[in-house]
C-alpha atoms as a PDB file:
ATOM      1  CA  MET A   1       0.000   0.000   0.000  1.00  0.00           C
ATOM      2  CA  THR A   2       1.526   3.312  -1.107  1.00  0.00           C
ATOM      3  CA  MET A   3       1.163   5.950   1.560  1.00  0.00           C
ATOM      4  CA  GLN A   4       1.576   9.671   1.432  1.00  0.00           C
ATOM      5  CA  ASN A   5       4.197  11.116   3.740  1.00  0.00           C
ATOM      6  CA  PRO A   6       3.008  12.063   7.201  1.00  0.00           C
ATOM      7  CA  ALA A   7       2.447  15.757   7.676  1.00  0.00           C
ATOM      8  CA  SER A   8       5.531  17.829   8.060  1.00  0.00           C
ATOM      9  CA  LEU A   9       4.462  20.784  10.170  1.00  0.00           C
ATOM     10  CA  THR A  10       4.732  20.122  13.889  1.00  0.00           C
ATOM     11  CA  LEU A  11       2.626  22.123  16.303  1.00  0.00           C
ATOM     12  CA  PRO A  12       3.830  22.956  19.822  1.00  0.00           C
ATOM     13  CA  ALA A  13       4.090  19.845  21.983  1.00  0.00           C
ATOM     14  CA  SER A  14       1.110  20.913  24.094  1.00  0.00           C
ATOM     15  CA  ALA A  15      -1.066  21.265  20.959  1.00  0.00           C
ATOM     16  CA  MET A  16      -3.027  23.913  22.840  1.00  0.00           C
ATOM     17  CA  SER A  17      -2.789  26.817  20.412  1.00  0.00           C
ATOM     18  CA  ALA A  18      -6.062  28.602  19.803  1.00  0.00           C
ATOM     19  CA  GLU A  19      -5.947  27.662  16.118  1.00  0.00           C
ATOM     20  CA  PHE A  20      -5.473  23.981  16.841  1.00  0.00           C
ATOM     21  CA  SER A  21      -8.177  23.986  19.527  1.00  0.00           C
ATOM     22  CA  ASP A  22     -10.655  25.354  17.007  1.00  0.00           C
ATOM     23  CA  LEU A  23      -9.650  22.755  14.410  1.00  0.00           C
ATOM     24  CA  GLU A  24      -9.942  19.957  16.953  1.00  0.00           C
ATOM     25  CA  GLU A  25     -13.375  21.091  18.110  1.00  0.00           C
ATOM     26  CA  ALA A  26     -14.597  21.283  14.504  1.00  0.00           C
ATOM     27  CA  ALA A  27     -13.201  17.827  13.677  1.00  0.00           C
ATOM     28  CA  ARG A  28     -14.758  16.220  16.760  1.00  0.00           C
ATOM     29  CA  TYR A  29     -18.113  17.822  16.000  1.00  0.00           C
ATOM     30  CA  ALA A  30     -17.986  16.638  12.382  1.00  0.00           C
ATOM     31  CA  LEU A  31     -17.146  13.088  13.482  1.00  0.00           C
ATOM     32  CA  LEU A  32     -19.927  13.053  16.074  1.00  0.00           C
ATOM     33  CA  GLN A  33     -22.443  14.228  13.483  1.00  0.00           C
ATOM     34  CA  ARG A  34     -21.397  11.429  11.151  1.00  0.00           C
ATOM     35  CA  LEU A  35     -21.557   8.862  13.949  1.00  0.00           C
ATOM     36  CA  ALA A  36     -24.959  10.043  15.193  1.00  0.00           C
ATOM     37  CA  PRO A  37     -27.083   7.810  12.876  1.00  0.00           C
ATOM     38  CA  ALA A  38     -25.037   4.740  13.817  1.00  0.00           C
ATOM     39  CA  ILE A  39     -25.246   5.580  17.535  1.00  0.00           C
ATOM     40  CA  GLN A  40     -29.012   6.066  17.263  1.00  0.00           C
ATOM     41  CA  HIS A  41     -29.432   2.764  15.416  1.00  0.00           C
ATOM     42  CA  HIS A  42     -27.262   1.019  18.011  1.00  0.00           C
ATOM     43  CA  LEU A  43     -29.270   2.432  20.908  1.00  0.00           C
ATOM     44  CA  MET A  44     -32.632   1.528  19.405  1.00  0.00           C
ATOM     45  CA  GLY A  45     -31.499  -2.017  18.677  1.00  0.00           C
ATOM     46  CA  LYS A  46     -30.882  -2.640  22.361  1.00  0.00           C
ATOM     47  CA  PHE A  47     -34.564  -2.113  23.142  1.00  0.00           C
ATOM     48  CA  GLN A  48     -36.035  -4.377  20.456  1.00  0.00           C
ATOM     49  CA  SER A  49     -35.748  -7.480  22.649  1.00  0.00           C
ATOM     50  CA  MET A  50     -37.513  -5.642  25.470  1.00  0.00           C
ATOM     51  CA  ASN A  51     -40.384  -4.737  23.151  1.00  0.00           C
ATOM     52  CA  MET A  52     -40.703  -8.345  21.999  1.00  0.00           C
ATOM     53  CA  ILE A  53     -40.834  -9.693  25.556  1.00  0.00           C
ATOM     54  CA  ALA A  54     -43.329  -7.014  26.610  1.00  0.00           C
ATOM     55  CA  ALA A  55     -45.570  -7.858  23.637  1.00  0.00           C
ATOM     56  CA  MET A  56     -45.443 -11.558  24.547  1.00  0.00           C
ATOM     57  CA  MET A  57     -46.375 -10.784  28.156  1.00  0.00           C
ATOM     58  CA  GLU A  58     -49.314  -8.698  26.965  1.00  0.00           C
ATOM     59  CA  ARG A  59     -50.624 -11.572  24.827  1.00  0.00           C
ATOM     60  CA  ARG A  60     -50.286 -14.003  27.730  1.00  0.00           C
ATOM     61  CA  LEU A  61     -52.137 -11.657  30.078  1.00  0.00           C
ATOM     62  CA  GLN A  62     -54.997 -11.306  27.595  1.00  0.00           C
ATOM     63  CA  SER A  63     -55.614 -15.059  27.687  1.00  0.00           C
ATOM     64  CA  THR A  64     -58.731 -16.255  29.518  1.00  0.00           C
ATOM     65  CA  GLU A  65     -56.441 -18.411  31.654  1.00  0.00           C
ATOM     66  CA  PRO A  66     -53.065 -16.645  31.881  1.00  0.00           C
ATOM     67  CA  ASP A  67     -50.047 -18.933  32.191  1.00  0.00           C
ATOM     68  CA  LEU A  68     -48.600 -17.388  35.340  1.00  0.00           C
ATOM     69  CA  PRO A  69     -45.342 -19.420  35.422  1.00  0.00           C
ATOM     70  CA  ALA A  70     -44.645 -18.392  31.818  1.00  0.00           C
ATOM     71  CA  ILE A  71     -45.453 -14.763  32.633  1.00  0.00           C
ATOM     72  CA  HIS A  72     -43.074 -14.951  35.590  1.00  0.00           C
ATOM     73  CA  GLU A  73     -40.336 -16.226  33.273  1.00  0.00           C
ATOM     74  CA  ASP A  74     -41.066 -13.326  30.928  1.00  0.00           C
ATOM     75  CA  CYS A  75     -40.700 -10.895  33.829  1.00  0.00           C
ATOM     76  CA  VAL A  76     -37.334 -12.388  34.753  1.00  0.00           C
ATOM     77  CA  SER A  77     -36.193 -12.215  31.124  1.00  0.00           C
ATOM     78  CA  LEU A  78     -37.393  -8.634  30.793  1.00  0.00           C
ATOM     79  CA  GLY A  79     -35.474  -7.618  33.897  1.00  0.00           C
ATOM     80  CA  SER A  80     -32.288  -9.263  32.623  1.00  0.00           C
ATOM     81  CA  VAL A  81     -32.610  -7.780  29.126  1.00  0.00           C
ATOM     82  CA  SER A  82     -33.365  -4.310  30.485  1.00  0.00           C
ATOM     83  CA  ARG A  83     -30.274  -4.351  32.725  1.00  0.00           C
ATOM     84  CA  THR A  84     -28.137  -5.399  29.771  1.00  0.00           C
ATOM     85  CA  ALA A  85     -29.708  -2.673  27.634  1.00  0.00           C
ATOM     86  CA  VAL A  86     -29.065   0.002  30.253  1.00  0.00           C
ATOM     87  CA  ASP A  87     -25.414  -1.049  30.588  1.00  0.00           C
ATOM     88  CA  SER A  88     -25.042  -0.975  26.809  1.00  0.00           C
ATOM     89  CA  VAL A  89     -26.687   2.436  26.543  1.00  0.00           C
ATOM     90  CA  MET A  90     -24.448   3.855  29.256  1.00  0.00           C
ATOM     91  CA  ASN A  91     -21.393   2.572  27.391  1.00  0.00           C
ATOM     92  CA  THR A  92     -22.657   3.949  24.081  1.00  0.00           C
ATOM     93  CA  MET A  93     -23.206   7.361  25.664  1.00  0.00           C
ATOM     94  CA  THR A  94     -19.487   7.526  26.455  1.00  0.00           C
ATOM     95  CA  TRP A  95     -18.985   7.971  22.707  1.00  0.00           C
ATOM     96  CA  ILE A  96     -20.735  11.323  23.095  1.00  0.00           C
ATOM     97  CA  GLU A  97     -19.138  12.322  26.399  1.00  0.00           C
ATOM     98  CA  PRO A  98     -15.932  10.300  26.797  1.00  0.00           C
ATOM     99  CA  ARG A  99     -13.866  10.186  29.957  1.00  0.00           C
ATOM    100  CA  ALA A 100     -10.355  11.459  29.340  1.00  0.00           C
ATOM    101  CA  ASP A 101      -8.785   8.636  31.384  1.00  0.00           C
ATOM    102  CA  ALA A 102     -10.870   5.741  30.009  1.00  0.00           C
ATOM    103  CA  THR A 103      -8.976   2.846  28.430  1.00  0.00           C
ATOM    104  CA  LEU A 104      -9.891  -0.374  26.659  1.00  0.00           C
ATOM    105  CA  LYS A 105      -8.109  -3.365  25.235  1.00  0.00           C
ATOM    106  CA  PHE A 106      -7.055  -2.898  21.635  1.00  0.00           C
ATOM    107  CA  HIS A 107      -8.891  -5.923  20.196  1.00  0.00           C
ATOM    108  CA  ALA A 108     -12.066  -5.142  22.142  1.00  0.00           C
ATOM    109  CA  GLY A 109     -11.917  -1.536  20.960  1.00  0.00           C
ATOM    110  CA  ILE A 110     -11.568  -2.614  17.326  1.00  0.00           C
ATOM    111  CA  THR A 111     -14.587  -4.895  17.713  1.00  0.00           C
ATOM    112  CA  GLU A 112     -16.602  -2.100  19.320  1.00  0.00           C
ATOM    113  CA  CYS A 113     -15.784   0.445  16.607  1.00  0.00           C
ATOM    114  CA  LEU A 114     -16.555  -1.982  13.798  1.00  0.00           C
ATOM    115  CA  GLY A 115     -19.772  -3.072  15.506  1.00  0.00           C
ATOM    116  CA  LEU A 116     -20.928   0.531  15.476  1.00  0.00           C
ATOM    117  CA  LEU A 117     -20.051   1.246  11.839  1.00  0.00           C
ATOM    118  CA  THR A 118     -20.522  -2.075   9.998  1.00  0.00           C
ATOM    119  CA  THR A 119     -24.193  -1.584   9.111  1.00  0.00           C
ATOM    120  CA  GLU A 120     -23.798   2.033   8.058  1.00  0.00           C
ATOM    121  CA  LEU A 121     -20.811   1.220   5.850  1.00  0.00           C
ATOM    122  CA  ARG A 122     -22.577  -1.768   4.307  1.00  0.00           C
ATOM    123  CA  PHE A 123     -25.368   0.546   3.158  1.00  0.00           C
ATOM    124  CA  LYS A 124     -22.679   2.535   1.307  1.00  0.00           C
ATOM    125  CA  GLY A 125     -21.287  -0.584  -0.380  1.00  0.00           C
ATOM    126  CA  PHE A 126     -18.374  -1.314   1.954  1.00  0.00           C
ATOM    127  CA  VAL A 127     -17.618  -4.636   3.616  1.00  0.00           C
ATOM    128  CA  ILE A 128     -15.346  -4.721   6.662  1.00  0.00           C
ATOM    129  CA  VAL A 129     -12.888  -7.605   6.893  1.00  0.00           C
ATOM    130  CA  ASN A 130     -11.438  -7.779  10.398  1.00  0.00           C
ATOM    131  CA  GLU A 131      -8.120  -9.663  10.448  1.00  0.00           C
ATOM    132  CA  VAL A 132      -6.865  -8.003  13.630  1.00  0.00           C
ATOM    133  CA  PRO A 133      -5.401 -10.535  16.097  1.00  0.00           C
ATOM    134  CA  ALA A 134      -6.419 -10.603  19.753  1.00  0.00           C
ATOM    135  CA  ILE A 135      -4.008  -7.895  20.935  1.00  0.00           C
ATOM    136  CA  GLN A 136      -4.751  -7.202  24.594  1.00  0.00           C
ATOM    137  CA  ALA A 137      -2.694  -4.038  25.133  1.00  0.00           C
ATOM    138  CA  GLU A 138      -4.579  -1.173  26.769  1.00  0.00           C
ATOM    139  CA  LEU A 139      -5.081   2.086  24.865  1.00  0.00           C
ATOM    140  CA  PRO A 140      -6.958   5.307  25.611  1.00  0.00           C
ATOM    141  CA  SER A 141     -10.478   4.590  24.385  1.00  0.00           C
ATOM    142  CA  ARG A 142     -10.939   8.065  22.905  1.00  0.00           C
ATOM    143  CA  ALA A 143      -7.828   7.675  20.743  1.00  0.00           C
ATOM    144  CA  LEU A 144      -8.974   4.389  19.267  1.00  0.00           C
ATOM    145  CA  ARG A 145     -12.620   5.347  18.912  1.00  0.00           C
ATOM    146  CA  SER A 146     -12.126   8.747  17.337  1.00  0.00           C
ATOM    147  CA  VAL A 147      -9.182   8.149  15.024  1.00  0.00           C
ATOM    148  CA  LEU A 148     -10.217   4.694  13.795  1.00  0.00           C
ATOM    149  CA  THR A 149     -13.848   5.596  13.094  1.00  0.00           C
ATOM    150  CA  ALA A 150     -12.861   8.878  11.430  1.00  0.00           C
ATOM    151  CA  THR A 151     -10.380   7.012   9.210  1.00  0.00           C
ATOM    152  CA  LEU A 152     -12.963   4.431   8.144  1.00  0.00           C
ATOM    153  CA  ILE A 153     -15.558   7.108   7.379  1.00  0.00           C
ATOM    154  CA  ALA A 154     -13.046   9.224   5.450  1.00  0.00           C
ATOM    155  CA  LEU A 155     -11.966   6.234   3.360  1.00  0.00           C
ATOM    156  CA  SER A 156     -15.595   5.391   2.537  1.00  0.00           C
ATOM    157  CA  ASP A 157     -16.405   9.024   1.736  1.00  0.00           C
ATOM    158  CA  LEU A 158     -13.477   9.357  -0.664  1.00  0.00           C
ATOM    159  CA  SER A 159     -13.864   6.021  -2.445  1.00  0.00           C
ATOM    160  CA  ALA A 160     -15.807   6.165  -5.701  1.00  0.00           C
ATOM    161  CA  ALA A 161     -16.486   2.417  -5.880  1.00  0.00           C
ATOM    162  CA  PRO A 162     -17.644  -0.412  -3.592  1.00  0.00           C
ATOM    163  CA  ALA A 163     -14.761  -1.874  -1.636  1.00  0.00           C
ATOM    164  CA  GLU A 164     -13.592  -4.062   1.201  1.00  0.00           C
ATOM    165  CA  LEU A 165     -11.937  -2.403   4.175  1.00  0.00           C
ATOM    166  CA  VAL A 166      -9.379  -4.929   5.427  1.00  0.00           C
ATOM    167  CA  LEU A 167      -7.988  -4.330   8.914  1.00  0.00           C
ATOM    168  CA  ARG A 168      -4.728  -5.875  10.115  1.00  0.00           C
ATOM    169  CA  ALA A 169      -2.529  -5.070  13.100  1.00  0.00           C
ATOM    170  CA  GLN A 170       0.731  -6.014  14.745  1.00  0.00           C
ATOM    171  CA  ALA A 171       1.918  -5.314  18.261  1.00  0.00           C
ATOM    172  CA  LEU A 172       5.492  -4.106  18.784  1.00  0.00           C
ATOM    173  CA  PRO A 173       7.218  -3.414  22.106  1.00  0.00           C
ATOM    174  CA  ASP A 174       6.409   0.303  22.062  1.00  0.00           C
ATOM    175  CA  ARG A 175       3.451   0.602  19.689  1.00  0.00           C
ATOM    176  CA  ILE A 176       0.625  -1.032  17.772  1.00  0.00           C
ATOM    177  CA  GLU A 177       0.466  -0.589  14.021  1.00  0.00           C
ATOM    178  CA  LEU A 178      -2.992  -0.857  12.442  1.00  0.00           C
ATOM    179  CA  SER A 179      -3.386  -0.931   8.667  1.00  0.00           C
ATOM    180  CA  ILE A 180      -6.611  -0.466   6.714  1.00  0.00           C
ATOM    181  CA  ASP A 181      -6.425  -1.594   3.088  1.00  0.00           C
ATOM    182  CA  LEU A 182      -9.059  -0.413   0.623  1.00  0.00           C
ATOM    183  CA  ARG A 183      -9.775  -3.224  -1.862  1.00  0.00           C
ATOM    184  CA  PRO A 184     -12.201  -2.402  -4.678  1.00  0.00           C
ATOM    185  CA  THR A 185     -14.783  -5.119  -5.262  1.00  0.00           C
ATOM    186  CA  ALA A 186     -16.864  -6.051  -8.282  1.00  0.00           C
ATOM    187  CA  GLY A 187     -19.483  -3.439  -8.947  1.00  0.00           C
ATOM    188  CA  ASN A 188     -20.117  -0.209 -10.728  1.00  0.00           C
ATOM    189  CA  ALA A 189     -18.702   3.070  -9.564  1.00  0.00           C
ATOM    190  CA  ARG A 190     -21.053   4.468  -6.983  1.00  0.00           C
ATOM    191  CA  SER A 191     -22.409   7.961  -6.892  1.00  0.00           C
ATOM    192  CA  VAL A 192     -21.359   9.558  -3.635  1.00  0.00           C
ATOM    193  CA  GLU A 193     -24.586  10.243  -1.794  1.00  0.00           C
ATOM    194  CA  ALA A 194     -24.984  13.361   0.256  1.00  0.00           C
ATOM    195  CA  ALA A 195     -24.072  12.624   3.861  1.00  0.00           C
ATOM    196  CA  ALA A 196     -26.392  13.599   6.664  1.00  0.00           C
ATOM    197  CA  TYR A 197     -23.748  16.136   7.676  1.00  0.00           C
ATOM    198  CA  ARG A 198     -20.674  16.602   5.480  1.00  0.00           C
ATOM    199  CA  PRO A 199     -17.966  14.246   4.204  1.00  0.00           C
ATOM    200  CA  LEU A 200     -15.003  13.770   6.501  1.00  0.00           C
ATOM    201  CA  LYS A 201     -11.745  14.983   5.021  1.00  0.00           C
ATOM    202  CA  TRP A 202      -8.257  13.774   5.742  1.00  0.00           C
ATOM    203  CA  ARG A 203      -7.607  17.105   7.418  1.00  0.00           C
ATOM    204  CA  ASP A 204     -10.261  16.207  10.014  1.00  0.00           C
ATOM    205  CA  VAL A 205      -8.619  12.841  10.647  1.00  0.00           C
ATOM    206  CA  GLU A 206      -5.162  14.421  10.878  1.00  0.00           C
ATOM    207  CA  VAL A 207      -6.355  16.860  13.534  1.00  0.00           C
ATOM    208  CA  LEU A 208      -7.904  14.065  15.586  1.00  0.00           C
ATOM    209  CA  ALA A 209      -4.759  11.966  15.220  1.00  0.00           C
ATOM    210  CA  THR A 210      -2.614  14.871  16.400  1.00  0.00           C
ATOM    211  CA  ALA A 211      -4.869  15.449  19.408  1.00  0.00           C
ATOM    212  CA  GLU A 212      -4.607  11.774  20.393  1.00  0.00           C
ATOM    213  CA  SER A 213      -0.857  11.334  19.643  1.00  0.00           C
ATOM    214  CA  VAL A 214      -1.572   8.821  16.896  1.00  0.00           C
ATOM    215  CA  ARG A 215       0.633   8.682  13.806  1.00  0.00           C
ATOM    216  CA  LEU A 216      -1.392   8.678  10.582  1.00  0.00           C
ATOM    217  CA  THR A 217      -0.327   7.974   7.019  1.00  0.00           C
ATOM    218  CA  HIS A 218      -2.818   7.598   4.197  1.00  0.00           C
ATOM    219  CA  GLY A 219      -3.158   7.209   0.469  1.00  0.00           C
ATOM    220  CA  ASN A 220      -5.630   6.147  -2.192  1.00  0.00           C
ATOM    221  CA  ALA A 221      -5.298   2.485  -1.184  1.00  0.00           C
ATOM    222  CA  GLY A 222      -5.830   2.850   2.549  1.00  0.00           C
ATOM    223  CA  ALA A 223      -4.314   4.167   5.748  1.00  0.00           C
ATOM    224  CA  GLN A 224      -2.074   3.190   8.629  1.00  0.00           C
ATOM    225  CA  LEU A 225      -2.457   4.209  12.270  1.00  0.00           C
ATOM    226  CA  THR A 226       0.289   3.849  14.849  1.00  0.00           C
ATOM    227  CA  PHE A 227      -0.719   3.907  18.509  1.00  0.00           C
ATOM    228  CA  LEU A 228       1.989   4.465  21.113  1.00  0.00           C
ATOM    229  CA  LEU A 229       1.781   2.197  24.125  1.00  0.00           C
ATOM    230  CA  ALA A 230       1.834   3.666  27.621  1.00  0.00           C
ATOM    231  CA  GLN A 231       5.561   3.193  28.188  1.00  0.00           C
ATOM    232  CA  ALA A 232       6.345   5.094  24.988  1.00  0.00           C
ATOM    233  CA  SER A 233       3.700   7.794  25.196  1.00  0.00           C
ATOM    234  CA  ALA A 234       5.924  10.130  27.200  1.00  0.00           C
ATOM    235  CA  ASP A 235       8.230  10.561  24.191  1.00  0.00           C
ATOM    236  CA  PRO A 236       6.108  11.389  21.123  1.00  0.00           C
ATOM    237  CA  ALA A 237       9.120  12.577  19.092  1.00  0.00           C
ATOM    238  CA  GLY A 238       8.822  11.721  15.443  1.00  0.00           C
ATOM    239  CA  TYR A 239       5.046  11.904  15.462  1.00  0.00           C
ATOM    240  CA  PRO A 240       4.305  15.135  13.572  1.00  0.00           C
ATOM    241  CA  VAL A 241       0.829  14.819  12.121  1.00  0.00           C
ATOM    242  CA  LEU A 242      -0.741  18.129  11.244  1.00  0.00           C
ATOM    243  CA  GLY A 243       0.262  19.831   8.009  1.00  0.00           C
ATOM    244  CA  ASN A 244       0.089  19.592   4.233  1.00  0.00           C
ATOM    245  CA  GLN A 245       0.167  16.160   2.626  1.00  0.00           C
ATOM    246  CA  VAL A 246       2.579  15.728  -0.266  1.00  0.00           C
END
């Protein structure tokens, strides 16, 4: 996969300039707007089982001789499903208001991000192929969630044809390298439909990567993300991200 060079202009180490703060806020807002339909779909799906159980209970109660043991089982099931749904909703809400210190295991985070986006991307003609091994290293959840999802959305926005998005990763002593290869599949060139908000641009992804200390390279055939592990995060030298692509 041929990549463009990483950006060459390095901002101050603190990345707290007023200009960068504005760019970061705009990029995070754009990403959240693009994720909103997927988050809404994900939230609603968690309550479908509850509706089904409630409908079954209603039918049982309308019987001339209600089956009380079966209704009791339905009540137990409804309680269990509702607790699971609440836990899932609370976790999903952290996508909207993340905790700065929250972490998650790399493989679990990949699964979570893909679970959120798979349906939306399939509607656009993209199939996700997850070949990421079970890497258990802990990463900041906001870094993985924001940069990975923004990269996948940007790739799908910029591609003019149906494609597979193939994810692979390798763990090294100081970092994890995640590659996303864009493989065109059989099918006609697609017309790029108007997004609910606006297309994500590589500039948006670069800003998010800079904010999360993630190295990003990208090209027409895909992208690569490099996540520093905790022991290396104190020395981000060599990770300039924001600037003009060449």
